[in-house]
Amino acid sequence: MKLNFQDLILLENDDYVVVNKPPFIATLDERNADNPYSLLRLARAYSPDAQVAHRLDKETSGCLAIAKNPEAYRHLAMQFEHREVKKIYHAVVGGVQNFEGISVYLPIMPLPRNGVVKIDRQKGKEAETIFNTLRAFRQHTLVECMPITGRMHQIRIHLTCLKAAIVQDETYGGKPVFLSQLKRDYNLKKDTEELPLIKRVALHARSLTFTGLDDQEISVEAPYPKDFEVLVKQLEKFS
């Protein structure tokens, strides 16, 4: 998969570039990975001093902010550390959910050997996410997720705690969505295996708001990538 970094840019100034990260590309270089691409590597080919102040999971798409110089990096990293960056994600979850500003405040502990996390009230680090229903479909819901903290897999495990696991998130109990589930008269051709509507965790970093070095607010929104857009449109069509 050949990627042109400039095609991903949503906003750029002298200090920052915010991109719409495609799914299935890592934020940082991976060890032992077949894919030579990472967002950081592409960014450094474009701007040699580029650094990322936050990460998105490999399967997650959407807004990723990249600093173009050390001062800009420190400025943004401090905002993340002090929880001053506003992050909004969209997720498609299982079941019809009615979330109105529901706050999940459950501590998270990583299990490094497995690359997953668990809720641990004794040893976990504090984690908080706020959830709002955007659109309820027949069997699924489009949810706005606002992580206050930035723990690994935070949104994913907090939604599972609400019995609303993200579509296709098998790690935390999410199920795939097939067109045959939605369309009553769906006919699959003989000897054909049906593929899910989305082949990854249905999570998208929708928007990011932070302050630039000039103290002006920078706010960016990332359009849905094709797979996420198709999923939402099909759920709307058959709801």
C-alpha atoms as a PDB file:
ATOM      1  CA  MET A   1       0.000   0.000   0.000  1.00  0.00           C
ATOM      2  CA  LYS A   2       1.652   3.178  -1.218  1.00  0.00           C
ATOM      3  CA  LEU A   3       0.749   6.224   0.852  1.00  0.00           C
ATOM      4  CA  ASN A   4       1.277   9.869   0.011  1.00  0.00           C
ATOM      5  CA  PHE A   5       1.706  11.762   3.280  1.00  0.00           C
ATOM      6  CA  GLN A   6       0.489  15.033   1.786  1.00  0.00           C
ATOM      7  CA  ASP A   7      -2.835  13.398   0.868  1.00  0.00           C
ATOM      8  CA  LEU A   8      -3.433  12.742   4.582  1.00  0.00           C
ATOM      9  CA  ILE A   9      -2.954  16.346   5.759  1.00  0.00           C
ATOM     10  CA  LEU A  10      -6.010  18.013   7.312  1.00  0.00           C
ATOM     11  CA  LEU A  11      -4.248  21.111   8.674  1.00  0.00           C
ATOM     12  CA  GLU A  12      -0.710  22.474   8.607  1.00  0.00           C
ATOM     13  CA  ASN A  13       1.096  25.520   9.971  1.00  0.00           C
ATOM     14  CA  ASP A  14       4.735  26.316  10.824  1.00  0.00           C
ATOM     15  CA  ASP A  15       4.660  24.132  13.943  1.00  0.00           C
ATOM     16  CA  TYR A  16       2.128  21.349  13.441  1.00  0.00           C
ATOM     17  CA  VAL A  17       0.635  19.079  10.851  1.00  0.00           C
ATOM     18  CA  VAL A  18      -2.561  17.174  11.659  1.00  0.00           C
ATOM     19  CA  VAL A  19      -3.293  14.159   9.467  1.00  0.00           C
ATOM     20  CA  ASN A  20      -6.207  11.782   8.954  1.00  0.00           C
ATOM     21  CA  LYS A  21      -4.456   8.511   9.816  1.00  0.00           C
ATOM     22  CA  PRO A  22      -5.660   5.615   7.678  1.00  0.00           C
ATOM     23  CA  PRO A  23      -6.494   2.318   9.401  1.00  0.00           C
ATOM     24  CA  PHE A  24      -3.905  -0.492   9.414  1.00  0.00           C
ATOM     25  CA  ILE A  25      -0.868   1.790   9.624  1.00  0.00           C
ATOM     26  CA  ALA A  26       1.036   2.071  12.914  1.00  0.00           C
ATOM     27  CA  THR A  27       1.735   5.455  14.485  1.00  0.00           C
ATOM     28  CA  LEU A  28       5.340   4.443  15.317  1.00  0.00           C
ATOM     29  CA  ASP A  29       7.668   1.869  13.772  1.00  0.00           C
ATOM     30  CA  GLU A  30       6.789  -1.676  14.838  1.00  0.00           C
ATOM     31  CA  ARG A  31       9.277  -4.369  15.721  1.00  0.00           C
ATOM     32  CA  ASN A  32       9.220  -7.401  13.426  1.00  0.00           C
ATOM     33  CA  ALA A  33       6.480  -5.890  11.271  1.00  0.00           C
ATOM     34  CA  ASP A  34       6.108  -6.787   7.607  1.00  0.00           C
ATOM     35  CA  ASN A  35       4.786  -3.311   6.840  1.00  0.00           C
ATOM     36  CA  PRO A  36       7.696  -0.849   6.564  1.00  0.00           C
ATOM     37  CA  TYR A  37       5.358   2.126   6.896  1.00  0.00           C
ATOM     38  CA  SER A  38       4.599   4.065  10.038  1.00  0.00           C
ATOM     39  CA  LEU A  39       3.007   7.488  10.282  1.00  0.00           C
ATOM     40  CA  LEU A  40       6.132   8.821  12.008  1.00  0.00           C
ATOM     41  CA  ARG A  41       8.397   7.545   9.226  1.00  0.00           C
ATOM     42  CA  LEU A  42       6.205   9.156   6.564  1.00  0.00           C
ATOM     43  CA  ALA A  43       6.076  12.381   8.589  1.00  0.00           C
ATOM     44  CA  ARG A  44       9.882  12.541   8.895  1.00  0.00           C
ATOM     45  CA  ALA A  45      10.279  12.119   5.160  1.00  0.00           C
ATOM     46  CA  TYR A  46       8.055  15.200   4.866  1.00  0.00           C
ATOM     47  CA  SER A  47       9.435  17.182   7.833  1.00  0.00           C
ATOM     48  CA  PRO A  48      12.763  15.863   9.252  1.00  0.00           C
ATOM     49  CA  ASP A  49      12.209  16.927  12.900  1.00  0.00           C
ATOM     50  CA  ALA A  50       8.672  15.507  13.107  1.00  0.00           C
ATOM     51  CA  GLN A  51       7.549  13.949  16.407  1.00  0.00           C
ATOM     52  CA  VAL A  52       4.187  12.567  17.509  1.00  0.00           C
ATOM     53  CA  ALA A  53       2.873  13.618  20.922  1.00  0.00           C
ATOM     54  CA  HIS A  54       0.145  10.945  21.058  1.00  0.00           C
ATOM     55  CA  ARG A  55      -0.696   7.637  19.392  1.00  0.00           C
ATOM     56  CA  LEU A  56      -3.626   5.942  17.740  1.00  0.00           C
ATOM     57  CA  ASP A  57      -3.970   2.157  17.700  1.00  0.00           C
ATOM     58  CA  LYS A  58      -2.963   0.601  14.392  1.00  0.00           C
ATOM     59  CA  GLU A  59      -6.574  -0.148  13.382  1.00  0.00           C
ATOM     60  CA  THR A  60      -7.916   3.246  14.540  1.00  0.00           C
ATOM     61  CA  SER A  61      -8.303   5.957  11.908  1.00  0.00           C
ATOM     62  CA  GLY A  62      -8.529   9.717  12.292  1.00  0.00           C
ATOM     63  CA  CYS A  63      -6.891  12.832  13.729  1.00  0.00           C
ATOM     64  CA  LEU A  64      -3.216  12.532  14.630  1.00  0.00           C
ATOM     65  CA  ALA A  65      -1.181  15.634  15.508  1.00  0.00           C
ATOM     66  CA  ILE A  66       2.490  15.804  14.551  1.00  0.00           C
ATOM     67  CA  ALA A  67       4.903  18.477  15.812  1.00  0.00           C
ATOM     68  CA  LYS A  68       7.378  19.836  13.251  1.00  0.00           C
ATOM     69  CA  ASN A  69       9.968  21.130  15.737  1.00  0.00           C
ATOM     70  CA  PRO A  70      11.095  20.359  19.328  1.00  0.00           C
ATOM     71  CA  GLU A  71       9.423  23.431  20.878  1.00  0.00           C
ATOM     72  CA  ALA A  72       6.079  22.561  19.274  1.00  0.00           C
ATOM     73  CA  TYR A  73       6.444  18.955  20.474  1.00  0.00           C
ATOM     74  CA  ARG A  74       7.070  20.011  24.093  1.00  0.00           C
ATOM     75  CA  HIS A  75       4.150  22.444  23.949  1.00  0.00           C
ATOM     76  CA  LEU A  76       1.710  19.774  22.734  1.00  0.00           C
ATOM     77  CA  ALA A  77       3.107  16.993  24.947  1.00  0.00           C
ATOM     78  CA  MET A  78       2.501  19.173  28.026  1.00  0.00           C
ATOM     79  CA  GLN A  79      -1.093  19.782  26.947  1.00  0.00           C
ATOM     80  CA  PHE A  80      -1.657  16.024  26.677  1.00  0.00           C
ATOM     81  CA  GLU A  81      -0.005  15.502  30.075  1.00  0.00           C
ATOM     82  CA  HIS A  82      -2.216  18.152  31.699  1.00  0.00           C
ATOM     83  CA  ARG A  83      -5.356  16.812  29.938  1.00  0.00           C
ATOM     84  CA  GLU A  84      -5.917  20.066  28.080  1.00  0.00           C
ATOM     85  CA  VAL A  85      -6.366  18.471  24.645  1.00  0.00           C
ATOM     86  CA  LYS A  86      -9.978  17.779  23.650  1.00  0.00           C
ATOM     87  CA  LYS A  87     -10.274  14.459  21.811  1.00  0.00           C
ATOM     88  CA  ILE A  88     -13.493  13.150  20.312  1.00  0.00           C
ATOM     89  CA  TYR A  89     -13.826   9.661  18.842  1.00  0.00           C
ATOM     90  CA  HIS A  90     -16.725   7.997  17.054  1.00  0.00           C
ATOM     91  CA  ALA A  91     -17.368   4.286  17.573  1.00  0.00           C
ATOM     92  CA  VAL A  92     -19.978   1.868  16.273  1.00  0.00           C
ATOM     93  CA  VAL A  93     -20.999  -0.448  19.095  1.00  0.00           C
ATOM     94  CA  GLY A  94     -23.237  -3.465  19.527  1.00  0.00           C
ATOM     95  CA  GLY A  95     -26.785  -3.060  20.819  1.00  0.00           C
ATOM     96  CA  VAL A  96     -29.099  -0.060  21.027  1.00  0.00           C
ATOM     97  CA  GLN A  97     -27.518   2.264  23.581  1.00  0.00           C
ATOM     98  CA  ASN A  98     -28.874   5.461  25.111  1.00  0.00           C
ATOM     99  CA  PHE A  99     -25.823   7.257  26.474  1.00  0.00           C
ATOM    100  CA  GLU A 100     -26.349  10.841  27.618  1.00  0.00           C
ATOM    101  CA  GLY A 101     -23.097  12.127  29.076  1.00  0.00           C
ATOM    102  CA  ILE A 102     -22.375   8.794  30.772  1.00  0.00           C
ATOM    103  CA  SER A 103     -18.996   8.941  32.506  1.00  0.00           C
ATOM    104  CA  VAL A 104     -17.035   5.723  33.003  1.00  0.00           C
ATOM    105  CA  TYR A 105     -14.364   6.120  35.679  1.00  0.00           C
ATOM    106  CA  LEU A 106     -12.603   2.765  35.939  1.00  0.00           C
ATOM    107  CA  PRO A 107      -8.843   2.253  36.425  1.00  0.00           C
ATOM    108  CA  ILE A 108      -6.931   0.428  33.709  1.00  0.00           C
ATOM    109  CA  MET A 109      -3.949  -1.891  34.014  1.00  0.00           C
ATOM    110  CA  PRO A 110      -1.967  -2.986  30.938  1.00  0.00           C
ATOM    111  CA  LEU A 111      -0.979  -6.622  30.477  1.00  0.00           C
ATOM    112  CA  PRO A 112       2.199  -6.087  28.401  1.00  0.00           C
ATOM    113  CA  ARG A 113       2.721  -9.748  27.559  1.00  0.00           C
ATOM    114  CA  ASN A 114      -0.692  -9.947  25.882  1.00  0.00           C
ATOM    115  CA  GLY A 115      -0.819  -6.389  24.501  1.00  0.00           C
ATOM    116  CA  VAL A 116      -4.211  -5.864  26.143  1.00  0.00           C
ATOM    117  CA  VAL A 117      -5.570  -4.125  29.240  1.00  0.00           C
ATOM    118  CA  LYS A 118      -7.916  -4.989  32.090  1.00  0.00           C
ATOM    119  CA  ILE A 119      -9.894  -3.083  34.702  1.00  0.00           C
ATOM    120  CA  ASP A 120      -8.040  -3.254  38.023  1.00  0.00           C
ATOM    121  CA  ARG A 121      -9.427  -1.157  40.884  1.00  0.00           C
ATOM    122  CA  GLN A 122      -6.361  -1.774  43.074  1.00  0.00           C
ATOM    123  CA  LYS A 123      -3.381  -1.495  40.719  1.00  0.00           C
ATOM    124  CA  GLY A 124      -4.833   0.230  37.646  1.00  0.00           C
ATOM    125  CA  LYS A 125      -4.185   3.833  36.604  1.00  0.00           C
ATOM    126  CA  GLU A 126      -7.119   6.241  36.695  1.00  0.00           C
ATOM    127  CA  ALA A 127      -9.064   6.444  33.453  1.00  0.00           C
ATOM    128  CA  GLU A 128     -12.200   8.363  32.529  1.00  0.00           C
ATOM    129  CA  THR A 129     -14.287   8.463  29.348  1.00  0.00           C
ATOM    130  CA  ILE A 130     -17.565  10.273  28.618  1.00  0.00           C
ATOM    131  CA  PHE A 131     -20.041   8.728  26.156  1.00  0.00           C
ATOM    132  CA  ASN A 132     -22.968  10.165  24.184  1.00  0.00           C
ATOM    133  CA  THR A 133     -25.261   8.402  21.718  1.00  0.00           C
ATOM    134  CA  LEU A 134     -25.157  10.060  18.291  1.00  0.00           C
ATOM    135  CA  ARG A 135     -27.477   7.701  16.400  1.00  0.00           C
ATOM    136  CA  ALA A 136     -29.216   4.474  17.369  1.00  0.00           C
ATOM    137  CA  PHE A 137     -29.812   1.894  14.639  1.00  0.00           C
ATOM    138  CA  ARG A 138     -31.764  -1.353  14.770  1.00  0.00           C
ATOM    139  CA  GLN A 139     -29.072  -3.430  16.470  1.00  0.00           C
ATOM    140  CA  HIS A 140     -26.147  -1.020  16.790  1.00  0.00           C
ATOM    141  CA  THR A 141     -25.317   2.526  17.929  1.00  0.00           C
ATOM    142  CA  LEU A 142     -22.990   5.288  16.739  1.00  0.00           C
ATOM    143  CA  VAL A 143     -21.381   6.694  19.893  1.00  0.00           C
ATOM    144  CA  GLU A 144     -19.337   9.822  20.615  1.00  0.00           C
ATOM    145  CA  CYS A 145     -16.469   9.044  22.996  1.00  0.00           C
ATOM    146  CA  MET A 146     -14.519  11.707  24.902  1.00  0.00           C
ATOM    147  CA  PRO A 147     -11.498  10.274  26.725  1.00  0.00           C
ATOM    148  CA  ILE A 148     -10.405  12.571  29.575  1.00  0.00           C
ATOM    149  CA  THR A 149      -7.313  10.469  30.235  1.00  0.00           C
ATOM    150  CA  GLY A 150      -5.286   8.714  27.540  1.00  0.00           C
ATOM    151  CA  ARG A 151      -4.738   5.108  28.589  1.00  0.00           C
ATOM    152  CA  MET A 152      -4.081   2.305  26.122  1.00  0.00           C
ATOM    153  CA  HIS A 153      -7.345   0.784  24.785  1.00  0.00           C
ATOM    154  CA  GLN A 154      -9.286   3.019  27.190  1.00  0.00           C
ATOM    155  CA  ILE A 155     -12.338   3.659  25.004  1.00  0.00           C
ATOM    156  CA  ARG A 156     -12.499   0.029  23.952  1.00  0.00           C
ATOM    157  CA  ILE A 157     -12.509  -1.488  27.434  1.00  0.00           C
ATOM    158  CA  HIS A 158     -14.760   1.212  28.926  1.00  0.00           C
ATOM    159  CA  LEU A 159     -17.385   0.513  26.248  1.00  0.00           C
ATOM    160  CA  THR A 160     -17.137  -3.199  27.007  1.00  0.00           C
ATOM    161  CA  CYS A 161     -17.817  -2.341  30.674  1.00  0.00           C
ATOM    162  CA  LEU A 162     -21.054  -0.693  29.482  1.00  0.00           C
ATOM    163  CA  LYS A 163     -21.960  -3.909  27.602  1.00  0.00           C
ATOM    164  CA  ALA A 164     -21.469  -1.966  24.367  1.00  0.00           C
ATOM    165  CA  ALA A 165     -18.331  -3.485  22.852  1.00  0.00           C
ATOM    166  CA  ILE A 166     -17.096  -1.888  19.632  1.00  0.00           C
ATOM    167  CA  VAL A 167     -18.014  -3.675  16.404  1.00  0.00           C
ATOM    168  CA  GLN A 168     -15.249  -6.069  15.257  1.00  0.00           C
ATOM    169  CA  ASP A 169     -13.251  -5.567  18.491  1.00  0.00           C
ATOM    170  CA  GLU A 170     -12.796  -9.260  19.211  1.00  0.00           C
ATOM    171  CA  THR A 171     -10.199  -8.548  21.932  1.00  0.00           C
ATOM    172  CA  TYR A 172     -12.844  -6.932  24.140  1.00  0.00           C
ATOM    173  CA  GLY A 173     -15.936  -8.875  23.090  1.00  0.00           C
ATOM    174  CA  GLY A 174     -17.023  -6.973  19.972  1.00  0.00           C
ATOM    175  CA  LYS A 175     -18.812  -8.830  17.161  1.00  0.00           C
ATOM    176  CA  PRO A 176     -18.543  -8.355  13.389  1.00  0.00           C
ATOM    177  CA  VAL A 177     -21.409  -6.867  11.356  1.00  0.00           C
ATOM    178  CA  PHE A 178     -22.581  -8.699   8.237  1.00  0.00           C
ATOM    179  CA  LEU A 179     -24.927  -7.328   5.597  1.00  0.00           C
ATOM    180  CA  SER A 180     -27.009 -10.502   5.988  1.00  0.00           C
ATOM    181  CA  GLN A 181     -27.800  -9.425   9.584  1.00  0.00           C
ATOM    182  CA  LEU A 182     -29.234  -6.125   8.342  1.00  0.00           C
ATOM    183  CA  LYS A 183     -30.823  -6.967   4.998  1.00  0.00           C
ATOM    184  CA  ARG A 184     -33.743  -9.376   5.310  1.00  0.00           C
ATOM    185  CA  ASP A 185     -33.681 -10.701   1.727  1.00  0.00           C
ATOM    186  CA  TYR A 186     -29.899 -10.937   1.508  1.00  0.00           C
ATOM    187  CA  ASN A 187     -28.716 -13.774  -0.727  1.00  0.00           C
ATOM    188  CA  LEU A 188     -25.137 -14.963  -0.563  1.00  0.00           C
ATOM    189  CA  LYS A 189     -23.804 -16.623  -3.678  1.00  0.00           C
ATOM    190  CA  LYS A 190     -23.189 -20.329  -3.313  1.00  0.00           C
ATOM    191  CA  ASP A 191     -19.701 -21.298  -2.085  1.00  0.00           C
ATOM    192  CA  THR A 192     -18.984 -17.681  -1.149  1.00  0.00           C
ATOM    193  CA  GLU A 193     -17.903 -16.644   2.326  1.00  0.00           C
ATOM    194  CA  GLU A 194     -19.565 -13.456   3.546  1.00  0.00           C
ATOM    195  CA  LEU A 195     -17.144 -10.775   4.722  1.00  0.00           C
ATOM    196  CA  PRO A 196     -17.935  -8.318   7.532  1.00  0.00           C
ATOM    197  CA  LEU A 197     -18.855  -4.740   6.580  1.00  0.00           C
ATOM    198  CA  ILE A 198     -15.753  -3.487   8.382  1.00  0.00           C
ATOM    199  CA  LYS A 199     -12.631  -5.594   8.915  1.00  0.00           C
ATOM    200  CA  ARG A 200     -11.205  -3.656  11.873  1.00  0.00           C
ATOM    201  CA  VAL A 201     -12.200  -2.168  15.211  1.00  0.00           C
ATOM    202  CA  ALA A 202     -14.884   0.409  14.303  1.00  0.00           C
ATOM    203  CA  LEU A 203     -13.217   3.369  16.019  1.00  0.00           C
ATOM    204  CA  HIS A 204     -12.365   6.741  14.435  1.00  0.00           C
ATOM    205  CA  ALA A 205     -10.602   9.744  16.002  1.00  0.00           C
ATOM    206  CA  ARG A 206     -13.119  12.325  14.813  1.00  0.00           C
ATOM    207  CA  SER A 207     -11.657  15.587  16.129  1.00  0.00           C
ATOM    208  CA  LEU A 208      -8.764  17.110  18.041  1.00  0.00           C
ATOM    209  CA  THR A 209      -8.543  20.541  19.688  1.00  0.00           C
ATOM    210  CA  PHE A 210      -5.378  21.983  21.222  1.00  0.00           C
ATOM    211  CA  THR A 211      -3.485  25.277  21.537  1.00  0.00           C
ATOM    212  CA  GLY A 212      -0.686  26.357  19.210  1.00  0.00           C
ATOM    213  CA  LEU A 213       2.531  28.107  20.249  1.00  0.00           C
ATOM    214  CA  ASP A 214       0.800  31.433  19.582  1.00  0.00           C
ATOM    215  CA  ASP A 215      -1.937  30.495  22.118  1.00  0.00           C
ATOM    216  CA  GLN A 216      -4.500  30.282  19.318  1.00  0.00           C
ATOM    217  CA  GLU A 217      -6.870  27.296  19.363  1.00  0.00           C
ATOM    218  CA  ILE A 218      -6.313  24.654  16.693  1.00  0.00           C
ATOM    219  CA  SER A 219      -9.363  22.474  16.020  1.00  0.00           C
ATOM    220  CA  VAL A 220      -9.454  19.784  13.340  1.00  0.00           C
ATOM    221  CA  GLU A 221     -12.118  17.280  12.242  1.00  0.00           C
ATOM    222  CA  ALA A 222     -11.305  14.126  10.283  1.00  0.00           C
ATOM    223  CA  PRO A 223     -13.814  12.767   7.738  1.00  0.00           C
ATOM    224  CA  TYR A 224     -14.668   9.073   8.047  1.00  0.00           C
ATOM    225  CA  PRO A 225     -12.518   6.734   5.955  1.00  0.00           C
ATOM    226  CA  LYS A 226     -14.369   4.671   3.380  1.00  0.00           C
ATOM    227  CA  ASP A 227     -14.835   1.521   5.500  1.00  0.00           C
ATOM    228  CA  PHE A 228     -16.301   3.409   8.472  1.00  0.00           C
ATOM    229  CA  GLU A 229     -18.524   5.507   6.211  1.00  0.00           C
ATOM    230  CA  VAL A 230     -19.869   2.392   4.445  1.00  0.00           C
ATOM    231  CA  LEU A 231     -20.632   0.746   7.802  1.00  0.00           C
ATOM    232  CA  VAL A 232     -22.581   3.774   9.090  1.00  0.00           C
ATOM    233  CA  LYS A 233     -24.463   4.193   5.789  1.00  0.00           C
ATOM    234  CA  GLN A 234     -25.515   0.539   5.686  1.00  0.00           C
ATOM    235  CA  LEU A 235     -26.669   0.669   9.316  1.00  0.00           C
ATOM    236  CA  GLU A 236     -28.699   3.808   8.508  1.00  0.00           C
ATOM    237  CA  LYS A 237     -30.144   2.272   5.359  1.00  0.00           C
ATOM    238  CA  PHE A 238     -31.450  -0.851   7.068  1.00  0.00           C
ATOM    239  CA  SER A 239     -32.427   0.610  10.451  1.00  0.00           C
END
